[in-house]
Amino acid sequence: MLKRLYNWTMSLAESPHALWALAIVAFVESSVFPIPPDILMIPLIVARPKDAFKIAGIATLASVLGGMLGYWIGFGAFETIGRPVLEFYGKDAYFDEFAVKYNEWGAWAVLIAGVTPFPYKVITILSGTTQLSLPVFIVASIVARSFRFFVVAALLWKFGDPIRDFIERRLGAVFTVLILLLVGGFYAVKFL
């Protein structure tokens, strides 16, 4: 199933309506869709390097709006929609334990999930379920998704097609290292 979704998403990059397709994929990925928008965004930027930052902006805006849908799912429809999505991703067993401490660290969770390979949709739903402050959620989502999409856009704009293979194969690892450096920097500033 995932392979078919991946192939379908890749075919969208060749469509004349690719930017709309990117917006839709980025929107639904933030709440239910399993394929990240990077899969569509990367070939779009390689094909249209002069539009790299416009493409990243579209992905960011649509992703944050989709994250707000995920928040609503958690807030208003957790049992009917949210729990099945968490079960699909195998995250339901951790939910109760995680929810207890979530609001204390919620902004960090949104930042980290918004940048790393951890499914952002899980955090959007969890944020609504635990009623994380909506302004905190929105600001953290904007920062995280902007960082993720604009870094990819900048790399592709600067280095072009040769960096595409590197990004596609190591996207998760690159962002995980960046987040570790970011969190380590904040930790060092706060406690040193």
Protein backbone atom coordinates (compact mmCIF):
# COMPACT_ATOMS: atom_id res chain seq x y z
CA MET A 1 0.00 0.00 0.00
CA LEU A 2 2.76 2.49 0.94
CA LYS A 3 4.61 1.76 -2.33
CA ARG A 4 1.49 2.62 -4.36
CA LEU A 5 0.99 5.83 -2.36
CA TYR A 6 4.66 6.73 -2.89
CA ASN A 7 4.43 6.13 -6.66
CA TRP A 8 1.20 8.14 -6.87
CA THR A 9 2.78 11.01 -4.94
CA MET A 10 5.84 11.00 -7.24
CA SER A 11 3.59 11.12 -10.33
CA LEU A 12 2.00 14.31 -8.98
CA ALA A 13 5.32 16.15 -9.39
CA GLU A 14 4.92 15.93 -13.17
CA SER A 15 1.38 17.32 -13.14
CA PRO A 16 0.61 20.88 -14.31
CA HIS A 17 -1.21 21.23 -11.00
CA ALA A 18 1.81 20.11 -8.97
CA LEU A 19 1.77 23.08 -6.57
CA TRP A 20 -1.88 22.40 -5.69
CA ALA A 21 -1.03 18.72 -5.31
CA LEU A 22 1.85 19.66 -2.99
CA ALA A 23 -0.48 21.80 -0.88
CA ILE A 24 -3.00 18.97 -0.62
CA VAL A 25 -0.34 16.36 0.24
CA ALA A 26 1.26 18.67 2.84
CA PHE A 27 -2.17 19.40 4.34
CA VAL A 28 -3.35 15.80 4.68
CA GLU A 29 0.08 14.49 5.73
CA SER A 30 -0.14 16.63 8.85
CA SER A 31 -3.21 14.79 10.07
CA VAL A 32 -3.68 11.40 8.35
CA PHE A 33 -1.65 10.77 5.15
CA PRO A 34 1.47 8.58 5.54
CA ILE A 35 3.63 10.03 2.71
CA PRO A 36 5.61 13.20 3.63
CA PRO A 37 5.37 16.21 1.29
CA ASP A 38 9.16 16.14 0.82
CA ILE A 39 8.63 13.32 -1.68
CA LEU A 40 6.75 15.73 -3.95
CA MET A 41 8.59 18.89 -2.93
CA ILE A 42 12.09 17.58 -3.84
CA PRO A 43 11.41 16.78 -7.53
CA LEU A 44 9.42 20.01 -7.85
CA ILE A 45 12.35 22.10 -6.62
CA VAL A 46 14.84 20.22 -8.80
CA ALA A 47 12.59 20.92 -11.81
CA ARG A 48 11.93 24.56 -10.79
CA PRO A 49 14.90 25.82 -8.76
CA LYS A 50 13.88 29.48 -9.15
CA ASP A 51 10.63 28.63 -7.31
CA ALA A 52 12.35 26.72 -4.48
CA PHE A 53 11.31 29.08 -1.69
CA LYS A 54 7.79 29.55 -3.06
CA ILE A 55 7.42 25.75 -3.05
CA ALA A 56 8.74 25.56 0.53
CA GLY A 57 6.31 28.31 1.55
CA ILE A 58 3.35 26.44 0.06
CA ALA A 59 4.41 23.24 1.83
CA THR A 60 4.81 25.12 5.12
CA LEU A 61 1.47 26.91 4.97
CA ALA A 62 -0.47 23.81 3.93
CA SER A 63 1.31 21.65 6.51
CA VAL A 64 0.53 24.04 9.37
CA LEU A 65 -3.11 24.27 8.28
CA GLY A 66 -3.22 20.47 8.09
CA GLY A 67 -1.66 20.35 11.54
CA MET A 68 -4.56 22.45 12.77
CA LEU A 69 -6.92 19.80 11.34
CA GLY A 70 -4.92 17.17 13.25
CA TYR A 71 -5.26 19.31 16.38
CA TRP A 72 -9.04 19.44 15.85
CA ILE A 73 -9.14 15.66 15.35
CA GLY A 74 -7.44 15.23 18.71
CA PHE A 75 -9.54 17.90 20.39
CA GLY A 76 -12.96 17.08 19.02
CA ALA A 77 -12.87 13.65 17.48
CA PHE A 78 -10.18 11.66 19.27
CA GLU A 79 -12.18 8.49 19.91
CA THR A 80 -13.75 8.32 16.44
CA ILE A 81 -10.88 9.54 14.26
CA GLY A 82 -7.77 10.24 16.35
CA ARG A 83 -7.39 6.91 18.14
CA PRO A 84 -7.68 4.87 14.88
CA VAL A 85 -4.98 7.06 13.26
CA LEU A 86 -2.68 6.53 16.27
CA GLU A 87 -3.43 2.77 16.16
CA PHE A 88 -2.55 2.72 12.44
CA TYR A 89 0.87 4.20 13.23
CA GLY A 90 1.34 1.93 16.27
CA LYS A 91 1.47 4.86 18.69
CA ASP A 92 -1.73 4.19 20.67
CA ALA A 93 -0.03 2.08 23.38
CA TYR A 94 2.18 5.00 24.35
CA PHE A 95 -0.57 7.58 24.32
CA ASP A 96 -1.73 7.62 27.95
CA GLU A 97 1.80 7.62 29.37
CA PHE A 98 2.95 10.29 26.96
CA ALA A 99 -0.12 12.52 27.43
CA VAL A 100 0.57 13.00 31.15
CA LYS A 101 3.77 14.97 30.56
CA TYR A 102 2.93 16.25 27.13
CA ASN A 103 1.68 19.74 27.90
CA GLU A 104 4.78 20.50 29.95
CA TRP A 105 6.99 19.82 26.93
CA GLY A 106 4.38 20.25 24.17
CA ALA A 107 6.08 23.05 22.25
CA TRP A 108 9.31 21.03 22.08
CA ALA A 109 7.39 17.95 20.96
CA VAL A 110 5.78 19.90 18.13
CA LEU A 111 9.15 21.39 17.13
CA ILE A 112 10.92 18.05 17.13
CA ALA A 113 8.15 16.12 15.36
CA GLY A 114 7.75 18.90 12.83
CA VAL A 115 11.37 18.59 11.74
CA THR A 116 12.33 14.93 12.28
CA PRO A 117 10.96 11.73 10.71
CA PHE A 118 8.66 11.17 13.73
CA PRO A 119 5.12 11.29 12.32
CA TYR A 120 4.03 14.91 12.74
CA LYS A 121 0.39 13.82 12.53
CA VAL A 122 0.76 11.93 15.82
CA ILE A 123 1.86 15.14 17.55
CA THR A 124 -0.87 17.24 15.94
CA ILE A 125 -3.53 14.82 17.19
CA LEU A 126 -1.90 14.51 20.59
CA SER A 127 -1.69 18.30 20.91
CA GLY A 128 -5.44 18.59 20.42
CA THR A 129 -6.22 15.66 22.70
CA THR A 130 -4.16 17.08 25.56
CA GLN A 131 -5.41 20.60 24.73
CA LEU A 132 -1.95 22.09 24.32
CA SER A 133 -2.31 25.85 24.00
CA LEU A 134 -3.42 26.47 20.40
CA PRO A 135 -1.16 29.55 19.93
CA VAL A 136 1.83 27.56 21.25
CA PHE A 137 0.97 24.73 18.88
CA ILE A 138 0.63 27.05 15.87
CA VAL A 139 3.87 28.97 16.53
CA ALA A 140 5.85 25.75 17.14
CA SER A 141 4.37 24.24 13.96
CA ILE A 142 5.28 27.29 11.86
CA VAL A 143 8.85 27.28 13.18
CA ALA A 144 9.32 23.53 12.74
CA ARG A 145 7.71 23.11 9.33
CA SER A 146 9.39 26.27 7.96
CA PHE A 147 12.76 25.03 9.16
CA ARG A 148 12.25 21.60 7.63
CA PHE A 149 10.96 22.71 4.23
CA PHE A 150 13.15 25.79 3.78
CA VAL A 151 16.36 23.88 4.64
CA VAL A 152 15.52 21.30 1.96
CA ALA A 153 14.63 24.09 -0.49
CA ALA A 154 17.86 25.99 0.23
CA LEU A 155 19.99 22.87 -0.24
CA LEU A 156 18.30 21.99 -3.51
CA TRP A 157 18.42 25.59 -4.73
CA LYS A 158 22.14 25.85 -3.92
CA PHE A 159 23.37 22.39 -4.93
CA GLY A 160 20.68 21.14 -7.33
CA ASP A 161 20.16 17.58 -8.47
CA PRO A 162 23.36 16.08 -6.90
CA ILE A 163 22.02 16.75 -3.40
CA ARG A 164 18.62 15.20 -4.23
CA ASP A 165 19.81 11.62 -3.75
CA PHE A 166 21.53 12.51 -0.48
CA ILE A 167 18.42 14.24 0.88
CA GLU A 168 16.05 11.47 -0.18
CA ARG A 169 18.17 8.75 1.42
CA ARG A 170 19.26 10.59 4.56
CA LEU A 171 16.55 13.18 5.23
CA GLY A 172 15.58 11.70 8.58
CA ALA A 173 19.16 11.42 9.81
CA VAL A 174 20.06 14.98 8.74
CA PHE A 175 17.10 16.52 10.56
CA THR A 176 17.61 14.33 13.62
CA VAL A 177 21.21 15.57 13.92
CA LEU A 178 20.07 19.18 13.44
CA ILE A 179 17.45 18.79 16.19
CA LEU A 180 19.99 17.22 18.55
CA LEU A 181 22.29 20.17 17.94
CA LEU A 182 19.42 22.62 18.46
CA VAL A 183 18.24 21.01 21.70
CA GLY A 184 21.84 20.64 22.92
CA GLY A 185 22.43 24.33 22.21
CA PHE A 186 19.35 25.38 24.18
CA TYR A 187 20.30 23.03 27.00
CA ALA A 188 23.83 24.45 27.10
CA VAL A 189 22.55 28.04 27.16
CA LYS A 190 20.02 27.29 29.88
CA PHE A 191 22.21 25.23 32.22
CA LEU A 192 25.77 26.43 31.59
